[in-house]
């Protein structure tokens, strides 16, 4: 619980940036690369940051909900 409280007070991202960007690029190439002209696609740093913040917010919400479900089920 102490670690959770420390992490709740910070605004730092929990997932490292480079591995997250690598996963996003790999999945984009996997799903959308045939549609990209000449196979060239550049990502803005801000776009990756926004996607990472949204992904972390979703995961935090998912973990909070699962904790509440587990607490309710005892």
PDB file of N, CA and C in Angstrom:
ATOM      1  N   UNK A   1       0.814  -1.198   0.000  1.00  0.00           N
ATOM      2  CA  UNK A   1       0.000   0.000   0.000  1.00  0.00           C
ATOM      3  C   UNK A   1       0.860   1.265   0.000  1.00  0.00           C
ATOM      4  N   UNK A   2       2.017   1.182   0.641  1.00  0.00           N
ATOM      5  CA  UNK A   2       2.899   2.340   0.687  1.00  0.00           C
ATOM      6  C   UNK A   2       3.379   2.698  -0.719  1.00  0.00           C
ATOM      7  N   UNK A   3       3.720   1.691  -1.499  1.00  0.00           N
ATOM      8  CA  UNK A   3       4.174   1.933  -2.865  1.00  0.00           C
ATOM      9  C   UNK A   3       3.059   2.532  -3.714  1.00  0.00           C
ATOM     10  N   UNK A   4       1.833   2.076  -3.514  1.00  0.00           N
ATOM     11  CA  UNK A   4       0.693   2.618  -4.252  1.00  0.00           C
ATOM     12  C   UNK A   4       0.506   4.092  -3.922  1.00  0.00           C
ATOM     13  N   UNK A   5       0.611   4.440  -2.660  1.00  0.00           N
ATOM     14  CA  UNK A   5       0.449   5.842  -2.261  1.00  0.00           C
ATOM     15  C   UNK A   5       1.536   6.727  -2.853  1.00  0.00           C
ATOM     16  N   UNK A   6       2.762   6.217  -2.899  1.00  0.00           N
ATOM     17  CA  UNK A   6       3.855   6.983  -3.493  1.00  0.00           C
ATOM     18  C   UNK A   6       3.588   7.206  -4.974  1.00  0.00           C
ATOM     19  N   UNK A   7       3.146   6.169  -5.678  1.00  0.00           N
ATOM     20  CA  UNK A   7       2.876   6.292  -7.109  1.00  0.00           C
ATOM     21  C   UNK A   7       1.679   7.189  -7.380  1.00  0.00           C
ATOM     22  N   UNK A   8       0.709   7.237  -6.477  1.00  0.00           N
ATOM     23  CA  UNK A   8      -0.450   8.101  -6.661  1.00  0.00           C
ATOM     24  C   UNK A   8      -0.072   9.579  -6.563  1.00  0.00           C
ATOM     25  N   UNK A   9       0.976   9.888  -5.823  1.00  0.00           N
ATOM     26  CA  UNK A   9       1.390  11.279  -5.653  1.00  0.00           C
ATOM     27  C   UNK A   9       2.227  11.787  -6.822  1.00  0.00           C
ATOM     28  N   UNK A  10       2.763  10.892  -7.634  1.00  0.00           N
ATOM     29  CA  UNK A  10       3.624  11.332  -8.733  1.00  0.00           C
ATOM     30  C   UNK A  10       2.826  11.472 -10.021  1.00  0.00           C
ATOM     31  N   UNK A  11       3.402  12.229 -10.932  1.00  0.00           N
ATOM     32  CA  UNK A  11       2.794  12.366 -12.259  1.00  0.00           C
ATOM     33  C   UNK A  11       3.684  11.734 -13.323  1.00  0.00           C
ATOM     34  N   UNK A  12       4.687  10.981 -12.901  1.00  0.00           N
ATOM     35  CA  UNK A  12       5.589  10.332 -13.845  1.00  0.00           C
ATOM     36  C   UNK A  12       4.876   9.177 -14.543  1.00  0.00           C
ATOM     37  N   UNK A  13       5.312   8.899 -15.761  1.00  0.00           N
ATOM     38  CA  UNK A  13       4.774   7.761 -16.486  1.00  0.00           C
ATOM     39  C   UNK A  13       5.405   6.482 -15.941  1.00  0.00           C
ATOM     40  N   UNK A  14       4.628   5.416 -15.880  1.00  0.00           N
ATOM     41  CA  UNK A  14       5.110   4.163 -15.316  1.00  0.00           C
ATOM     42  C   UNK A  14       5.742   3.258 -16.372  1.00  0.00           C
ATOM     43  N   UNK A  15       5.284   3.364 -17.609  1.00  0.00           N
ATOM     44  CA  UNK A  15       5.823   2.550 -18.692  1.00  0.00           C
ATOM     45  C   UNK A  15       6.951   3.355 -19.339  1.00  0.00           C
ATOM     46  N   UNK A  16       8.116   2.744 -19.532  1.00  0.00           N
ATOM     47  CA  UNK A  16       9.205   3.474 -20.206  1.00  0.00           C
ATOM     48  C   UNK A  16       8.804   3.893 -21.621  1.00  0.00           C
ATOM     49  N   UNK A  17       9.258   5.063 -22.035  1.00  0.00           N
ATOM     50  CA  UNK A  17       8.821   5.636 -23.316  1.00  0.00           C
ATOM     51  C   UNK A  17       9.254   4.825 -24.529  1.00  0.00           C
ATOM     52  N   UNK A  18      10.526   4.450 -24.600  1.00  0.00           N
ATOM     53  CA  UNK A  18      11.015   3.770 -25.794  1.00  0.00           C
ATOM     54  C   UNK A  18      10.346   2.419 -26.027  1.00  0.00           C
ATOM     55  N   UNK A  19      10.219   1.553 -25.014  1.00  0.00           N
ATOM     56  CA  UNK A  19       9.519   0.296 -25.270  1.00  0.00           C
ATOM     57  C   UNK A  19       8.057   0.502 -25.678  1.00  0.00           C
ATOM     58  N   UNK A  20       7.390   1.494 -25.090  1.00  0.00           N
ATOM     59  CA  UNK A  20       6.009   1.761 -25.469  1.00  0.00           C
ATOM     60  C   UNK A  20       5.932   2.229 -26.914  1.00  0.00           C
ATOM     61  N   UNK A  21       6.827   3.126 -27.306  1.00  0.00           N
ATOM     62  CA  UNK A  21       6.837   3.616 -28.684  1.00  0.00           C
ATOM     63  C   UNK A  21       7.120   2.477 -29.653  1.00  0.00           C
ATOM     64  N   UNK A  22       8.005   1.570 -29.272  1.00  0.00           N
ATOM     65  CA  UNK A  22       8.315   0.432 -30.120  1.00  0.00           C
ATOM     66  C   UNK A  22       7.097  -0.459 -30.325  1.00  0.00           C
ATOM     67  N   UNK A  23       6.360  -0.710 -29.270  1.00  0.00           N
ATOM     68  CA  UNK A  23       5.154  -1.539 -29.377  1.00  0.00           C
ATOM     69  C   UNK A  23       4.105  -0.860 -30.245  1.00  0.00           C
ATOM     70  N   UNK A  24       3.918   0.441 -30.072  1.00  0.00           N
ATOM     71  CA  UNK A  24       2.939   1.175 -30.875  1.00  0.00           C
ATOM     72  C   UNK A  24       3.310   1.113 -32.350  1.00  0.00           C
ATOM     73  N   UNK A  25       4.579   1.342 -32.651  1.00  0.00           N
ATOM     74  CA  UNK A  25       5.012   1.297 -34.053  1.00  0.00           C
ATOM     75  C   UNK A  25       4.856  -0.095 -34.649  1.00  0.00           C
ATOM     76  N   UNK A  26       5.217  -1.125 -33.866  1.00  0.00           N
ATOM     77  CA  UNK A  26       5.090  -2.499 -34.364  1.00  0.00           C
ATOM     78  C   UNK A  26       3.629  -2.846 -34.646  1.00  0.00           C
ATOM     79  N   UNK A  27       2.744  -2.477 -33.740  1.00  0.00           N
ATOM     80  CA  UNK A  27       1.328  -2.787 -33.953  1.00  0.00           C
ATOM     81  C   UNK A  27       0.750  -1.986 -35.114  1.00  0.00           C
ATOM     82  N   UNK A  28       1.194  -0.749 -35.272  1.00  0.00           N
ATOM     83  CA  UNK A  28       0.733   0.046 -36.405  1.00  0.00           C
ATOM     84  C   UNK A  28       1.162  -0.601 -37.713  1.00  0.00           C
ATOM     85  N   UNK A  29       2.420  -1.016 -37.777  1.00  0.00           N
ATOM     86  CA  UNK A  29       2.906  -1.677 -38.984  1.00  0.00           C
ATOM     87  C   UNK A  29       2.162  -2.984 -39.238  1.00  0.00           C
ATOM     88  N   UNK A  30       1.826  -3.673 -38.184  1.00  0.00           N
ATOM     89  CA  UNK A  30       1.119  -4.953 -38.320  1.00  0.00           C
ATOM     90  C   UNK A  30      -0.278  -4.761 -38.888  1.00  0.00           C
ATOM     91  N   UNK A  31      -0.983  -3.721 -38.442  1.00  0.00           N
ATOM     92  CA  UNK A  31      -2.382  -3.543 -38.840  1.00  0.00           C
ATOM     93  C   UNK A  31      -2.584  -2.581 -39.999  1.00  0.00           C
ATOM     94  N   UNK A  32      -1.761  -1.542 -40.095  1.00  0.00           N
ATOM     95  CA  UNK A  32      -2.037  -0.489 -41.061  1.00  0.00           C
ATOM     96  C   UNK A  32      -0.940  -0.269 -42.094  1.00  0.00           C
ATOM     97  N   UNK A  33       0.170  -0.963 -42.006  1.00  0.00           N
ATOM     98  CA  UNK A  33       1.288  -0.725 -42.922  1.00  0.00           C
ATOM     99  C   UNK A  33       0.923  -0.915 -44.388  1.00  0.00           C
ATOM    100  N   UNK A  34       0.087  -1.885 -44.771  1.00  0.00           N
ATOM    101  CA  UNK A  34      -0.247  -2.006 -46.192  1.00  0.00           C
ATOM    102  C   UNK A  34      -0.962  -0.772 -46.750  1.00  0.00           C
ATOM    103  N   UNK A  35      -1.631  -0.017 -45.898  1.00  0.00           N
ATOM    104  CA  UNK A  35      -2.355   1.169 -46.350  1.00  0.00           C
ATOM    105  C   UNK A  35      -1.474   2.409 -46.446  1.00  0.00           C
ATOM    106  N   UNK A  36      -0.285   2.375 -45.846  1.00  0.00           N
ATOM    107  CA  UNK A  36       0.603   3.529 -45.836  1.00  0.00           C
ATOM    108  C   UNK A  36       1.359   3.578 -47.165  1.00  0.00           C
ATOM    109  N   UNK A  37       1.396   4.749 -47.768  1.00  0.00           N
ATOM    110  CA  UNK A  37       2.057   4.925 -49.058  1.00  0.00           C
ATOM    111  C   UNK A  37       3.568   4.810 -48.885  1.00  0.00           C
ATOM    112  N   UNK A  38       4.208   4.012 -49.688  1.00  0.00           N
ATOM    113  CA  UNK A  38       5.662   3.808 -49.701  1.00  0.00           C
ATOM    114  C   UNK A  38       6.206   3.246 -48.392  1.00  0.00           C
ATOM    115  N   UNK A  39       5.350   2.785 -47.498  1.00  0.00           N
ATOM    116  CA  UNK A  39       5.806   2.192 -46.244  1.00  0.00           C
ATOM    117  C   UNK A  39       6.467   3.173 -45.295  1.00  0.00           C
ATOM    118  N   UNK A  40       6.249   4.476 -45.494  1.00  0.00           N
ATOM    119  CA  UNK A  40       6.871   5.493 -44.643  1.00  0.00           C
ATOM    120  C   UNK A  40       5.814   6.081 -43.726  1.00  0.00           C
ATOM    121  N   UNK A  41       6.093   6.027 -42.455  1.00  0.00           N
ATOM    122  CA  UNK A  41       5.180   6.610 -41.467  1.00  0.00           C
ATOM    123  C   UNK A  41       6.016   7.186 -40.338  1.00  0.00           C
ATOM    124  N   UNK A  42       5.816   8.459 -40.055  1.00  0.00           N
ATOM    125  CA  UNK A  42       6.553   9.115 -38.985  1.00  0.00           C
ATOM    126  C   UNK A  42       5.582   9.463 -37.863  1.00  0.00           C
ATOM    127  N   UNK A  43       6.041   9.291 -36.646  1.00  0.00           N
ATOM    128  CA  UNK A  43       5.225   9.563 -35.476  1.00  0.00           C
ATOM    129  C   UNK A  43       5.743  10.811 -34.794  1.00  0.00           C
ATOM    130  N   UNK A  44       4.827  11.660 -34.388  1.00  0.00           N
ATOM    131  CA  UNK A  44       5.217  12.819 -33.588  1.00  0.00           C
ATOM    132  C   UNK A  44       5.395  12.367 -32.143  1.00  0.00           C
ATOM    133  N   UNK A  45       6.343  12.984 -31.461  1.00  0.00           N
ATOM    134  CA  UNK A  45       6.613  12.634 -30.071  1.00  0.00           C
ATOM    135  C   UNK A  45       5.387  12.912 -29.199  1.00  0.00           C
ATOM    136  N   UNK A  46       4.690  14.005 -29.485  1.00  0.00           N
ATOM    137  CA  UNK A  46       3.493  14.349 -28.707  1.00  0.00           C
ATOM    138  C   UNK A  46       2.390  13.302 -28.893  1.00  0.00           C
ATOM    139  N   UNK A  47       2.260  12.775 -30.105  1.00  0.00           N
ATOM    140  CA  UNK A  47       1.231  11.767 -30.361  1.00  0.00           C
ATOM    141  C   UNK A  47       1.514  10.508 -29.552  1.00  0.00           C
ATOM    142  N   UNK A  48       2.773  10.092 -29.509  1.00  0.00           N
ATOM    143  CA  UNK A  48       3.131   8.914 -28.718  1.00  0.00           C
ATOM    144  C   UNK A  48       2.915   9.171 -27.229  1.00  0.00           C
ATOM    145  N   UNK A  49       3.226  10.384 -26.782  1.00  0.00           N
ATOM    146  CA  UNK A  49       3.041  10.724 -25.367  1.00  0.00           C
ATOM    147  C   UNK A  49       1.567  10.701 -24.988  1.00  0.00           C
ATOM    148  N   UNK A  50       0.717  11.232 -25.856  1.00  0.00           N
ATOM    149  CA  UNK A  50      -0.726  11.233 -25.586  1.00  0.00           C
ATOM    150  C   UNK A  50      -1.261   9.803 -25.539  1.00  0.00           C
ATOM    151  N   UNK A  51      -0.804   8.977 -26.477  1.00  0.00           N
ATOM    152  CA  UNK A  51      -1.245   7.583 -26.485  1.00  0.00           C
ATOM    153  C   UNK A  51      -0.788   6.857 -25.221  1.00  0.00           C
ATOM    154  N   UNK A  52       0.432   7.147 -24.775  1.00  0.00           N
ATOM    155  CA  UNK A  52       0.945   6.504 -23.571  1.00  0.00           C
ATOM    156  C   UNK A  52       0.163   6.947 -22.334  1.00  0.00           C
ATOM    157  N   UNK A  53      -0.127   8.219 -22.230  1.00  0.00           N
ATOM    158  CA  UNK A  53      -0.906   8.705 -21.086  1.00  0.00           C
ATOM    159  C   UNK A  53      -2.298   8.096 -21.068  1.00  0.00           C
ATOM    160  N   UNK A  54      -2.917   7.990 -22.234  1.00  0.00           N
ATOM    161  CA  UNK A  54      -4.246   7.389 -22.312  1.00  0.00           C
ATOM    162  C   UNK A  54      -4.200   5.907 -21.944  1.00  0.00           C
ATOM    163  N   UNK A  55      -3.180   5.214 -22.415  1.00  0.00           N
ATOM    164  CA  UNK A  55      -3.049   3.790 -22.103  1.00  0.00           C
ATOM    165  C   UNK A  55      -2.836   3.578 -20.604  1.00  0.00           C
ATOM    166  N   UNK A  56      -1.998   4.405 -20.000  1.00  0.00           N
ATOM    167  CA  UNK A  56      -1.756   4.264 -18.560  1.00  0.00           C
ATOM    168  C   UNK A  56      -2.995   4.623 -17.754  1.00  0.00           C
ATOM    169  N   UNK A  57      -3.725   5.640 -18.170  1.00  0.00           N
ATOM    170  CA  UNK A  57      -4.962   5.997 -17.464  1.00  0.00           C
ATOM    171  C   UNK A  57      -5.967   4.853 -17.547  1.00  0.00           C
ATOM    172  N   UNK A  58      -6.067   4.226 -18.720  1.00  0.00           N
ATOM    173  CA  UNK A  58      -6.980   3.093 -18.883  1.00  0.00           C
ATOM    174  C   UNK A  58      -6.562   1.930 -17.981  1.00  0.00           C
ATOM    175  N   UNK A  59      -5.262   1.623 -17.947  1.00  0.00           N
ATOM    176  CA  UNK A  59      -4.794   0.518 -17.118  1.00  0.00           C
ATOM    177  C   UNK A  59      -4.999   0.796 -15.632  1.00  0.00           C
ATOM    178  N   UNK A  60      -4.757   2.023 -15.213  1.00  0.00           N
ATOM    179  CA  UNK A  60      -4.974   2.374 -13.805  1.00  0.00           C
ATOM    180  C   UNK A  60      -6.449   2.206 -13.443  1.00  0.00           C
ATOM    181  N   UNK A  61      -7.334   2.669 -14.309  1.00  0.00           N
ATOM    182  CA  UNK A  61      -8.775   2.523 -14.064  1.00  0.00           C
ATOM    183  C   UNK A  61      -9.171   1.056 -14.016  1.00  0.00           C
ATOM    184  N   UNK A  62      -8.613   0.251 -14.915  1.00  0.00           N
ATOM    185  CA  UNK A  62      -8.899  -1.184 -14.940  1.00  0.00           C
ATOM    186  C   UNK A  62      -8.442  -1.858 -13.647  1.00  0.00           C
ATOM    187  N   UNK A  63      -7.250  -1.507 -13.164  1.00  0.00           N
ATOM    188  CA  UNK A  63      -6.753  -2.079 -11.920  1.00  0.00           C
ATOM    189  C   UNK A  63      -7.583  -1.618 -10.723  1.00  0.00           C
ATOM    190  N   UNK A  64      -8.016  -0.365 -10.719  1.00  0.00           N
ATOM    191  CA  UNK A  64      -8.867   0.112  -9.633  1.00  0.00           C
ATOM    192  C   UNK A  64     -10.185  -0.654  -9.601  1.00  0.00           C
ATOM    193  N   UNK A  65     -10.779  -0.852 -10.773  1.00  0.00           N
ATOM    194  CA  UNK A  65     -12.039  -1.598 -10.836  1.00  0.00           C
ATOM    195  C   UNK A  65     -11.857  -3.046 -10.402  1.00  0.00           C
ATOM    196  N   UNK A  66     -10.753  -3.671 -10.819  1.00  0.00           N
ATOM    197  CA  UNK A  66     -10.524  -5.059 -10.415  1.00  0.00           C
ATOM    198  C   UNK A  66     -10.280  -5.163  -8.916  1.00  0.00           C
ATOM    199  N   UNK A  67      -9.610  -4.157  -8.333  1.00  0.00           N
ATOM    200  CA  UNK A  67      -9.400  -4.146  -6.886  1.00  0.00           C
ATOM    201  C   UNK A  67     -10.743  -4.033  -6.157  1.00  0.00           C
ATOM    202  N   UNK A  68     -11.625  -3.147  -6.654  1.00  0.00           N
ATOM    203  CA  UNK A  68     -12.924  -3.002  -6.018  1.00  0.00           C
ATOM    204  C   UNK A  68     -13.757  -4.268  -6.126  1.00  0.00           C
ATOM    205  N   UNK A  69     -13.660  -4.953  -7.256  1.00  0.00           N
ATOM    206  CA  UNK A  69     -14.379  -6.230  -7.427  1.00  0.00           C
ATOM    207  C   UNK A  69     -13.837  -7.271  -6.462  1.00  0.00           C
ATOM    208  N   UNK A  70     -12.526  -7.349  -6.335  1.00  0.00           N
ATOM    209  CA  UNK A  70     -11.914  -8.316  -5.415  1.00  0.00           C
ATOM    210  C   UNK A  70     -12.265  -7.978  -3.968  1.00  0.00           C
ATOM    211  N   UNK A  71     -12.268  -6.698  -3.640  1.00  0.00           N
ATOM    212  CA  UNK A  71     -12.607  -6.275  -2.278  1.00  0.00           C
ATOM    213  C   UNK A  71     -14.071  -6.581  -1.975  1.00  0.00           C
ATOM    214  N   UNK A  72     -14.949  -6.383  -2.960  1.00  0.00           N
ATOM    215  CA  UNK A  72     -16.350  -6.665  -2.772  1.00  0.00           C
ATOM    216  C   UNK A  72     -16.615  -8.168  -2.602  1.00  0.00           C
ATOM    217  N   UNK A  73     -15.858  -8.986  -3.299  1.00  0.00           N
ATOM    218  CA  UNK A  73     -16.054 -10.446  -3.228  1.00  0.00           C
ATOM    219  C   UNK A  73     -15.411 -11.042  -1.975  1.00  0.00           C
ATOM    220  N   UNK A  74     -14.604 -10.270  -1.304  1.00  0.00           N
ATOM    221  CA  UNK A  74     -13.875 -10.705  -0.108  1.00  0.00           C
ATOM    222  C   UNK A  74     -13.000 -11.880  -0.413  1.00  0.00           C
TER     223      UNK A  74
END
